Amino acid sequence: MSAPAPTTIARFAGISDVRLVLRQLRYEQLSFWLNPVGAIFTVVFSVVFLVMLGLSAGSSRVSYLGNIKLVQYYVPAFVAYGVMAACFTTLSISLVIRRETGLLKRLRLSPLPTWGLLAAVVLSTVVIALIQVVLLLAVGRWGFGVHLPSDPGAFVVALLVGVSSFTALGIAMSTIIPNQESAGPLTSTLFFVLLFLSGLWFPIKSGSQLAHISTWFPIRHFLKAVFAAFNAHGESPWAWKDLLVLAIWGAAGAVVALRRFQWAPRRG
């Protein structure tokens, strides 16, 4: 009986790895949803804020954004927020806790390849982010009458670049945080300060001093890229410059993550 061809062995090995990743993804999702308080807070937080701001905005309009309704600005803004919160804040805090409690080190000894473990963690984060996106679009459309993205292709590309970039930045951030006690305060403080500077809570007028300051940070560019996909004020739905800057930030985050990532807890 002849031995299996190398290509056949490689194919079976690849299928086995995919199955392991899917099993780990299922475990990640079960672990997330079995903590109902944390799951609801993570997923519904952005929706609650959108509802509160949408109701308070009423029929207010933004003159320097084509006289659109203020809620028309908030929907794409909080879609971007949902992605960033899941892929940056939640991911970085989760990785720090797993590292410092020794869970990453123990999982590395399992049959699951290390790349498969990280892939499952990242995919689980993406699933959570997409759930928020769907909920926010549904609330915006049927709750406030906001139109959906005029160019679905531009919207999907903006989400893909945003998910990739903020996932890389989230992993990079986890390598900088020294211990699990400081993970939440450091990440949340940095994130919400940048959100304020980047115009999540209120539209920033183009050409203002705050607009110039916020262009140094990736959050502003992601907000603009997602907002452009809605084409709410008649401009191009493809924010190529913002997507490029966002991709550069993501590449920088990936470099830091690859160079500094640790599986074992830090000592001292």
C-alpha atoms as a PDB file:
ATOM      1  CA  MET A   1       0.000   0.000   0.000  1.00  0.00           C
ATOM      2  CA  SER A   2       1.530   3.315  -1.079  1.00  0.00           C
ATOM      3  CA  ALA A   3       2.061   6.167   1.357  1.00  0.00           C
ATOM      4  CA  PRO A   4      -0.181   9.243   1.104  1.00  0.00           C
ATOM      5  CA  ALA A   5       1.158  11.973  -1.149  1.00  0.00           C
ATOM      6  CA  PRO A   6       2.701  15.021   0.627  1.00  0.00           C
ATOM      7  CA  THR A   7       0.034  17.297  -0.868  1.00  0.00           C
ATOM      8  CA  THR A   8      -2.698  15.051   0.582  1.00  0.00           C
ATOM      9  CA  ILE A   9      -1.089  15.125   4.028  1.00  0.00           C
ATOM     10  CA  ALA A  10      -0.751  18.910   3.844  1.00  0.00           C
ATOM     11  CA  ARG A  11      -4.381  19.253   2.817  1.00  0.00           C
ATOM     12  CA  PHE A  12      -5.583  17.094   5.714  1.00  0.00           C
ATOM     13  CA  ALA A  13      -3.328  19.014   8.109  1.00  0.00           C
ATOM     14  CA  GLY A  14      -4.793  22.282   6.870  1.00  0.00           C
ATOM     15  CA  ILE A  15      -8.355  21.036   7.343  1.00  0.00           C
ATOM     16  CA  SER A  16      -7.484  19.834  10.839  1.00  0.00           C
ATOM     17  CA  ASP A  17      -6.039  23.254  11.740  1.00  0.00           C
ATOM     18  CA  VAL A  18      -9.161  24.996  10.455  1.00  0.00           C
ATOM     19  CA  ARG A  19     -11.343  22.717  12.572  1.00  0.00           C
ATOM     20  CA  LEU A  20      -9.234  23.463  15.638  1.00  0.00           C
ATOM     21  CA  VAL A  21      -9.555  27.199  15.002  1.00  0.00           C
ATOM     22  CA  LEU A  22     -13.333  26.885  14.599  1.00  0.00           C
ATOM     23  CA  ARG A  23     -13.565  24.882  17.829  1.00  0.00           C
ATOM     24  CA  GLN A  24     -11.536  27.512  19.653  1.00  0.00           C
ATOM     25  CA  LEU A  25     -13.713  30.222  18.104  1.00  0.00           C
ATOM     26  CA  ARG A  26     -16.779  28.439  19.476  1.00  0.00           C
ATOM     27  CA  TYR A  27     -15.130  28.278  22.897  1.00  0.00           C
ATOM     28  CA  GLU A  28     -14.292  31.999  22.737  1.00  0.00           C
ATOM     29  CA  GLN A  29     -17.889  32.845  21.900  1.00  0.00           C
ATOM     30  CA  LEU A  30     -19.261  30.587  24.654  1.00  0.00           C
ATOM     31  CA  SER A  31     -16.861  32.129  27.144  1.00  0.00           C
ATOM     32  CA  PHE A  32     -17.984  35.607  26.097  1.00  0.00           C
ATOM     33  CA  TRP A  33     -21.745  34.988  26.186  1.00  0.00           C
ATOM     34  CA  LEU A  34     -21.640  32.928  29.396  1.00  0.00           C
ATOM     35  CA  ASN A  35     -20.720  36.183  31.131  1.00  0.00           C
ATOM     36  CA  PRO A  36     -24.041  37.941  30.448  1.00  0.00           C
ATOM     37  CA  VAL A  37     -23.216  41.167  32.305  1.00  0.00           C
ATOM     38  CA  GLY A  38     -19.957  41.668  30.437  1.00  0.00           C
ATOM     39  CA  ALA A  39     -21.469  40.581  27.114  1.00  0.00           C
ATOM     40  CA  ILE A  40     -24.485  42.878  27.368  1.00  0.00           C
ATOM     41  CA  PHE A  41     -22.337  45.793  28.509  1.00  0.00           C
ATOM     42  CA  THR A  42     -19.921  45.276  25.611  1.00  0.00           C
ATOM     43  CA  VAL A  43     -22.538  44.846  22.882  1.00  0.00           C
ATOM     44  CA  VAL A  44     -25.319  47.158  24.080  1.00  0.00           C
ATOM     45  CA  PHE A  45     -23.151  50.025  25.359  1.00  0.00           C
ATOM     46  CA  SER A  46     -22.810  51.625  21.920  1.00  0.00           C
ATOM     47  CA  VAL A  47     -26.511  51.089  21.155  1.00  0.00           C
ATOM     48  CA  VAL A  48     -27.584  52.770  24.412  1.00  0.00           C
ATOM     49  CA  PHE A  49     -25.382  55.773  23.701  1.00  0.00           C
ATOM     50  CA  LEU A  50     -26.733  56.055  20.159  1.00  0.00           C
ATOM     51  CA  VAL A  51     -30.326  55.982  21.419  1.00  0.00           C
ATOM     52  CA  MET A  52     -29.611  58.586  24.111  1.00  0.00           C
ATOM     53  CA  LEU A  53     -27.794  60.965  21.773  1.00  0.00           C
ATOM     54  CA  GLY A  54     -30.279  60.367  18.957  1.00  0.00           C
ATOM     55  CA  LEU A  55     -33.234  61.250  21.201  1.00  0.00           C
ATOM     56  CA  SER A  56     -31.464  64.308  22.606  1.00  0.00           C
ATOM     57  CA  ALA A  57     -30.502  65.492  19.111  1.00  0.00           C
ATOM     58  CA  GLY A  58     -34.110  65.485  17.914  1.00  0.00           C
ATOM     59  CA  SER A  59     -34.366  67.359  14.630  1.00  0.00           C
ATOM     60  CA  SER A  60     -31.090  69.250  15.097  1.00  0.00           C
ATOM     61  CA  ARG A  61     -29.018  69.665  11.963  1.00  0.00           C
ATOM     62  CA  VAL A  62     -25.323  70.227  11.211  1.00  0.00           C
ATOM     63  CA  SER A  63     -24.949  73.134   8.795  1.00  0.00           C
ATOM     64  CA  TYR A  64     -21.309  72.486   7.904  1.00  0.00           C
ATOM     65  CA  LEU A  65     -22.033  68.843   6.960  1.00  0.00           C
ATOM     66  CA  GLY A  66     -24.564  69.545   4.248  1.00  0.00           C
ATOM     67  CA  ASN A  67     -27.297  70.441   6.759  1.00  0.00           C
ATOM     68  CA  ILE A  68     -27.819  66.781   7.659  1.00  0.00           C
ATOM     69  CA  LYS A  69     -29.618  65.690  10.800  1.00  0.00           C
ATOM     70  CA  LEU A  70     -27.330  65.262  13.766  1.00  0.00           C
ATOM     71  CA  VAL A  71     -28.497  61.670  14.241  1.00  0.00           C
ATOM     72  CA  GLN A  72     -27.358  60.963  10.664  1.00  0.00           C
ATOM     73  CA  TYR A  73     -23.847  61.761  11.911  1.00  0.00           C
ATOM     74  CA  TYR A  74     -24.179  59.705  15.082  1.00  0.00           C
ATOM     75  CA  VAL A  75     -25.122  56.418  13.397  1.00  0.00           C
ATOM     76  CA  PRO A  76     -21.918  55.957  11.324  1.00  0.00           C
ATOM     77  CA  ALA A  77     -19.902  57.430  14.201  1.00  0.00           C
ATOM     78  CA  PHE A  78     -21.151  54.783  16.624  1.00  0.00           C
ATOM     79  CA  VAL A  79     -20.760  52.049  14.021  1.00  0.00           C
ATOM     80  CA  ALA A  80     -17.074  52.999  13.990  1.00  0.00           C
ATOM     81  CA  TYR A  81     -17.106  53.160  17.793  1.00  0.00           C
ATOM     82  CA  GLY A  82     -18.493  49.626  18.071  1.00  0.00           C
ATOM     83  CA  VAL A  83     -15.687  48.256  15.911  1.00  0.00           C
ATOM     84  CA  MET A  84     -12.988  50.179  17.775  1.00  0.00           C
ATOM     85  CA  ALA A  85     -14.330  49.250  21.218  1.00  0.00           C
ATOM     86  CA  ALA A  86     -14.346  45.532  20.384  1.00  0.00           C
ATOM     87  CA  CYS A  87     -11.108  45.332  18.396  1.00  0.00           C
ATOM     88  CA  PHE A  88      -9.027  47.735  20.475  1.00  0.00           C
ATOM     89  CA  THR A  89     -10.298  48.118  24.033  1.00  0.00           C
ATOM     90  CA  THR A  90     -11.892  44.725  24.680  1.00  0.00           C
ATOM     91  CA  LEU A  91      -9.184  42.790  22.830  1.00  0.00           C
ATOM     92  CA  SER A  92      -6.230  44.494  24.522  1.00  0.00           C
ATOM     93  CA  ILE A  93      -7.701  44.118  28.024  1.00  0.00           C
ATOM     94  CA  SER A  94      -8.582  40.475  27.364  1.00  0.00           C
ATOM     95  CA  LEU A  95      -5.086  39.630  26.145  1.00  0.00           C
ATOM     96  CA  VAL A  96      -3.436  41.276  29.148  1.00  0.00           C
ATOM     97  CA  ILE A  97      -5.665  39.367  31.587  1.00  0.00           C
ATOM     98  CA  ARG A  98      -4.988  36.069  29.802  1.00  0.00           C
ATOM     99  CA  ARG A  99      -1.260  36.729  29.745  1.00  0.00           C
ATOM    100  CA  GLU A 100      -0.965  37.715  33.398  1.00  0.00           C
ATOM    101  CA  THR A 101      -3.142  34.859  34.665  1.00  0.00           C
ATOM    102  CA  GLY A 102      -1.038  32.358  32.716  1.00  0.00           C
ATOM    103  CA  LEU A 103      -3.890  31.332  30.406  1.00  0.00           C
ATOM    104  CA  LEU A 104      -1.991  32.227  27.230  1.00  0.00           C
ATOM    105  CA  LYS A 105       0.998  30.185  28.365  1.00  0.00           C
ATOM    106  CA  ARG A 106      -1.174  27.149  29.148  1.00  0.00           C
ATOM    107  CA  LEU A 107      -3.098  27.383  25.884  1.00  0.00           C
ATOM    108  CA  ARG A 108       0.175  27.524  23.988  1.00  0.00           C
ATOM    109  CA  LEU A 109       0.881  23.971  25.193  1.00  0.00           C
ATOM    110  CA  SER A 110      -2.411  22.689  23.751  1.00  0.00           C
ATOM    111  CA  PRO A 111      -2.697  20.948  20.344  1.00  0.00           C
ATOM    112  CA  LEU A 112      -3.974  24.204  18.872  1.00  0.00           C
ATOM    113  CA  PRO A 113      -1.205  26.049  16.974  1.00  0.00           C
ATOM    114  CA  THR A 114      -0.273  29.436  18.406  1.00  0.00           C
ATOM    115  CA  TRP A 115      -1.394  31.185  15.225  1.00  0.00           C
ATOM    116  CA  GLY A 116      -4.705  29.319  15.483  1.00  0.00           C
ATOM    117  CA  LEU A 117      -5.249  30.521  19.039  1.00  0.00           C
ATOM    118  CA  LEU A 118      -4.684  34.154  18.079  1.00  0.00           C
ATOM    119  CA  ALA A 119      -6.820  33.696  14.969  1.00  0.00           C
ATOM    120  CA  ALA A 120      -9.714  32.387  17.076  1.00  0.00           C
ATOM    121  CA  VAL A 121      -9.396  35.262  19.560  1.00  0.00           C
ATOM    122  CA  VAL A 122      -9.324  37.816  16.740  1.00  0.00           C
ATOM    123  CA  LEU A 123     -12.237  36.181  14.885  1.00  0.00           C
ATOM    124  CA  SER A 124     -14.300  36.153  18.073  1.00  0.00           C
ATOM    125  CA  THR A 125     -13.599  39.860  18.482  1.00  0.00           C
ATOM    126  CA  VAL A 126     -14.649  40.486  14.881  1.00  0.00           C
ATOM    127  CA  VAL A 127     -17.918  38.598  15.449  1.00  0.00           C
ATOM    128  CA  ILE A 128     -18.690  40.821  18.451  1.00  0.00           C
ATOM    129  CA  ALA A 129     -17.864  43.933  16.430  1.00  0.00           C
ATOM    130  CA  LEU A 130     -20.121  42.859  13.541  1.00  0.00           C
ATOM    131  CA  ILE A 131     -23.009  42.175  15.935  1.00  0.00           C
ATOM    132  CA  GLN A 132     -22.697  45.754  17.157  1.00  0.00           C
ATOM    133  CA  VAL A 133     -22.588  47.074  13.587  1.00  0.00           C
ATOM    134  CA  VAL A 134     -25.801  45.240  12.673  1.00  0.00           C
ATOM    135  CA  LEU A 135     -27.594  46.415  15.827  1.00  0.00           C
ATOM    136  CA  LEU A 136     -26.522  50.028  15.317  1.00  0.00           C
ATOM    137  CA  LEU A 137     -27.594  50.052  11.671  1.00  0.00           C
ATOM    138  CA  ALA A 138     -30.958  48.543  12.630  1.00  0.00           C
ATOM    139  CA  VAL A 139     -31.548  51.115  15.382  1.00  0.00           C
ATOM    140  CA  GLY A 140     -30.490  53.946  13.085  1.00  0.00           C
ATOM    141  CA  ARG A 141     -32.681  52.815  10.209  1.00  0.00           C
ATOM    142  CA  TRP A 142     -35.860  51.782  12.013  1.00  0.00           C
ATOM    143  CA  GLY A 143     -35.490  53.866  15.154  1.00  0.00           C
ATOM    144  CA  PHE A 144     -34.434  57.201  13.681  1.00  0.00           C
ATOM    145  CA  GLY A 145     -35.082  56.865   9.947  1.00  0.00           C
ATOM    146  CA  VAL A 146     -31.406  57.226   9.037  1.00  0.00           C
ATOM    147  CA  HIS A 147     -30.516  55.921   5.576  1.00  0.00           C
ATOM    148  CA  LEU A 148     -28.092  53.023   5.262  1.00  0.00           C
ATOM    149  CA  PRO A 149     -24.699  53.358   3.507  1.00  0.00           C
ATOM    150  CA  SER A 150     -25.179  54.591  -0.051  1.00  0.00           C
ATOM    151  CA  ASP A 151     -22.157  52.578  -1.204  1.00  0.00           C
ATOM    152  CA  PRO A 152     -22.040  49.140   0.475  1.00  0.00           C
ATOM    153  CA  GLY A 153     -18.645  48.432  -1.077  1.00  0.00           C
ATOM    154  CA  ALA A 154     -17.069  51.519   0.466  1.00  0.00           C
ATOM    155  CA  PHE A 155     -18.709  50.682   3.778  1.00  0.00           C
ATOM    156  CA  VAL A 156     -17.394  47.099   3.805  1.00  0.00           C
ATOM    157  CA  VAL A 157     -13.876  48.216   2.842  1.00  0.00           C
ATOM    158  CA  ALA A 158     -13.884  50.847   5.598  1.00  0.00           C
ATOM    159  CA  LEU A 159     -14.958  48.194   8.123  1.00  0.00           C
ATOM    160  CA  LEU A 160     -12.303  45.729   6.931  1.00  0.00           C
ATOM    161  CA  VAL A 161      -9.515  48.302   7.174  1.00  0.00           C
ATOM    162  CA  GLY A 162     -10.818  49.482  10.539  1.00  0.00           C
ATOM    163  CA  VAL A 163     -11.118  45.964  11.973  1.00  0.00           C
ATOM    164  CA  SER A 164      -7.626  45.020  10.760  1.00  0.00           C
ATOM    165  CA  SER A 165      -5.980  48.216  11.969  1.00  0.00           C
ATOM    166  CA  PHE A 166      -7.589  48.411  15.401  1.00  0.00           C
ATOM    167  CA  THR A 167      -7.055  44.692  15.992  1.00  0.00           C
ATOM    168  CA  ALA A 168      -3.343  45.191  15.352  1.00  0.00           C
ATOM    169  CA  LEU A 169      -3.349  48.281  17.578  1.00  0.00           C
ATOM    170  CA  GLY A 170      -5.242  46.398  20.286  1.00  0.00           C
ATOM    171  CA  ILE A 171      -2.669  43.588  20.327  1.00  0.00           C
ATOM    172  CA  ALA A 172       0.140  46.162  20.319  1.00  0.00           C
ATOM    173  CA  MET A 173      -1.489  47.990  23.230  1.00  0.00           C
ATOM    174  CA  SER A 174      -1.626  44.746  25.214  1.00  0.00           C
ATOM    175  CA  THR A 175       2.151  44.415  24.926  1.00  0.00           C
ATOM    176  CA  ILE A 176       2.669  47.848  26.509  1.00  0.00           C
ATOM    177  CA  ILE A 177       0.385  47.345  29.513  1.00  0.00           C
ATOM    178  CA  PRO A 178       2.453  45.935  32.411  1.00  0.00           C
ATOM    179  CA  ASN A 179      -0.244  44.132  34.443  1.00  0.00           C
ATOM    180  CA  GLN A 180      -3.939  43.276  34.471  1.00  0.00           C
ATOM    181  CA  GLU A 181      -4.794  45.821  37.183  1.00  0.00           C
ATOM    182  CA  SER A 182      -3.805  48.687  34.898  1.00  0.00           C
ATOM    183  CA  ALA A 183      -5.266  47.213  31.700  1.00  0.00           C
ATOM    184  CA  GLY A 184      -8.754  48.657  32.097  1.00  0.00           C
ATOM    185  CA  PRO A 185      -7.808  52.157  33.328  1.00  0.00           C
ATOM    186  CA  LEU A 186      -4.986  52.680  30.825  1.00  0.00           C
ATOM    187  CA  THR A 187      -6.853  51.426  27.772  1.00  0.00           C
ATOM    188  CA  SER A 188     -10.196  53.046  28.582  1.00  0.00           C
ATOM    189  CA  THR A 189      -8.683  56.423  29.485  1.00  0.00           C
ATOM    190  CA  LEU A 190      -6.619  56.584  26.315  1.00  0.00           C
ATOM    191  CA  PHE A 191      -9.532  55.403  24.175  1.00  0.00           C
ATOM    192  CA  PHE A 192     -12.152  57.831  25.506  1.00  0.00           C
ATOM    193  CA  VAL A 193      -9.814  60.833  25.449  1.00  0.00           C
ATOM    194  CA  LEU A 194      -9.042  60.140  21.785  1.00  0.00           C
ATOM    195  CA  LEU A 195     -12.753  59.615  21.084  1.00  0.00           C
ATOM    196  CA  PHE A 196     -13.473  63.063  22.499  1.00  0.00           C
ATOM    197  CA  LEU A 197     -10.683  64.684  20.482  1.00  0.00           C
ATOM    198  CA  SER A 198     -11.723  62.855  17.299  1.00  0.00           C
ATOM    199  CA  GLY A 199     -15.351  63.970  17.253  1.00  0.00           C
ATOM    200  CA  LEU A 200     -17.444  60.986  18.316  1.00  0.00           C
ATOM    201  CA  TRP A 201     -19.708  62.962  20.622  1.00  0.00           C
ATOM    202  CA  PHE A 202     -20.035  66.007  18.355  1.00  0.00           C
ATOM    203  CA  PRO A 203     -19.102  66.785  14.725  1.00  0.00           C
ATOM    204  CA  ILE A 204     -15.792  68.584  14.302  1.00  0.00           C
ATOM    205  CA  LYS A 205     -15.780  71.429  11.831  1.00  0.00           C
ATOM    206  CA  SER A 206     -13.236  70.928   9.057  1.00  0.00           C
ATOM    207  CA  GLY A 207     -10.304  73.333   9.325  1.00  0.00           C
ATOM    208  CA  SER A 208     -10.699  73.924  13.059  1.00  0.00           C
ATOM    209  CA  GLN A 209      -7.811  73.543  15.493  1.00  0.00           C
ATOM    210  CA  LEU A 210      -9.336  70.412  16.970  1.00  0.00           C
ATOM    211  CA  ALA A 211      -9.687  68.935  13.479  1.00  0.00           C
ATOM    212  CA  HIS A 212      -5.963  69.460  12.885  1.00  0.00           C
ATOM    213  CA  ILE A 213      -5.063  67.861  16.218  1.00  0.00           C
ATOM    214  CA  SER A 214      -7.343  64.861  15.698  1.00  0.00           C
ATOM    215  CA  THR A 215      -5.842  64.015  12.295  1.00  0.00           C
ATOM    216  CA  TRP A 216      -2.788  62.684  14.130  1.00  0.00           C
ATOM    217  CA  PHE A 217      -4.855  59.821  15.561  1.00  0.00           C
ATOM    218  CA  PRO A 218      -6.402  56.797  13.786  1.00  0.00           C
ATOM    219  CA  ILE A 219      -9.834  57.181  15.406  1.00  0.00           C
ATOM    220  CA  ARG A 220     -10.569  60.376  13.489  1.00  0.00           C
ATOM    221  CA  HIS A 221      -9.699  58.772  10.165  1.00  0.00           C
ATOM    222  CA  PHE A 222     -11.873  55.741  10.829  1.00  0.00           C
ATOM    223  CA  LEU A 223     -14.819  57.941  11.787  1.00  0.00           C
ATOM    224  CA  LYS A 224     -14.428  59.894   8.550  1.00  0.00           C
ATOM    225  CA  ALA A 225     -14.064  56.750   6.425  1.00  0.00           C
ATOM    226  CA  VAL A 226     -17.243  55.172   7.802  1.00  0.00           C
ATOM    227  CA  PHE A 227     -19.162  58.463   7.579  1.00  0.00           C
ATOM    228  CA  ALA A 228     -18.099  58.925   3.955  1.00  0.00           C
ATOM    229  CA  ALA A 229     -19.569  55.528   3.041  1.00  0.00           C
ATOM    230  CA  PHE A 230     -23.002  56.838   4.018  1.00  0.00           C
ATOM    231  CA  ASN A 231     -22.429  59.679   1.518  1.00  0.00           C
ATOM    232  CA  ALA A 232     -24.649  61.826   3.706  1.00  0.00           C
ATOM    233  CA  HIS A 233     -23.498  65.174   2.316  1.00  0.00           C
ATOM    234  CA  GLY A 234     -22.923  64.448  -1.355  1.00  0.00           C
ATOM    235  CA  GLU A 235     -19.177  63.742  -1.372  1.00  0.00           C
ATOM    236  CA  SER A 236     -17.325  60.615  -2.521  1.00  0.00           C
ATOM    237  CA  PRO A 237     -18.073  57.537  -0.383  1.00  0.00           C
ATOM    238  CA  TRP A 238     -14.449  56.417  -0.730  1.00  0.00           C
ATOM    239  CA  ALA A 239     -12.241  58.168   1.838  1.00  0.00           C
ATOM    240  CA  TRP A 240      -8.984  56.902   0.366  1.00  0.00           C
ATOM    241  CA  LYS A 241      -6.703  59.242   2.311  1.00  0.00           C
ATOM    242  CA  ASP A 242      -8.273  58.304   5.636  1.00  0.00           C
ATOM    243  CA  LEU A 243      -8.141  54.603   4.780  1.00  0.00           C
ATOM    244  CA  LEU A 244      -4.446  54.927   3.890  1.00  0.00           C
ATOM    245  CA  VAL A 245      -3.601  56.671   7.176  1.00  0.00           C
ATOM    246  CA  LEU A 246      -5.625  54.061   9.058  1.00  0.00           C
ATOM    247  CA  ALA A 247      -3.775  51.246   7.280  1.00  0.00           C
ATOM    248  CA  ILE A 248      -0.422  52.836   8.172  1.00  0.00           C
ATOM    249  CA  TRP A 249      -1.433  52.945  11.840  1.00  0.00           C
ATOM    250  CA  GLY A 250      -2.468  49.306  11.591  1.00  0.00           C
ATOM    251  CA  ALA A 251       0.859  48.324  10.031  1.00  0.00           C
ATOM    252  CA  ALA A 252       2.736  50.138  12.795  1.00  0.00           C
ATOM    253  CA  GLY A 253       0.610  48.341  15.395  1.00  0.00           C
ATOM    254  CA  ALA A 254       1.336  44.985  13.745  1.00  0.00           C
ATOM    255  CA  VAL A 255       5.089  45.645  13.892  1.00  0.00           C
ATOM    256  CA  VAL A 256       4.923  46.498  17.601  1.00  0.00           C
ATOM    257  CA  ALA A 257       2.726  43.454  18.295  1.00  0.00           C
ATOM    258  CA  LEU A 258       5.058  41.060  16.491  1.00  0.00           C
ATOM    259  CA  ARG A 259       8.143  42.383  18.232  1.00  0.00           C
ATOM    260  CA  ARG A 260       6.812  42.683  21.765  1.00  0.00           C
ATOM    261  CA  PHE A 261       4.117  40.009  22.156  1.00  0.00           C
ATOM    262  CA  GLN A 262       4.670  37.678  25.117  1.00  0.00           C
ATOM    263  CA  TRP A 263       2.882  34.479  26.115  1.00  0.00           C
ATOM    264  CA  ALA A 264       4.158  34.271  29.703  1.00  0.00           C
ATOM    265  CA  PRO A 265       3.212  36.619  32.563  1.00  0.00           C
ATOM    266  CA  ARG A 266       5.574  39.477  33.241  1.00  0.00           C
ATOM    267  CA  ARG A 267       7.551  39.407  36.460  1.00  0.00           C
ATOM    268  CA  GLY A 268       8.440  42.307  38.719  1.00  0.00           C
END
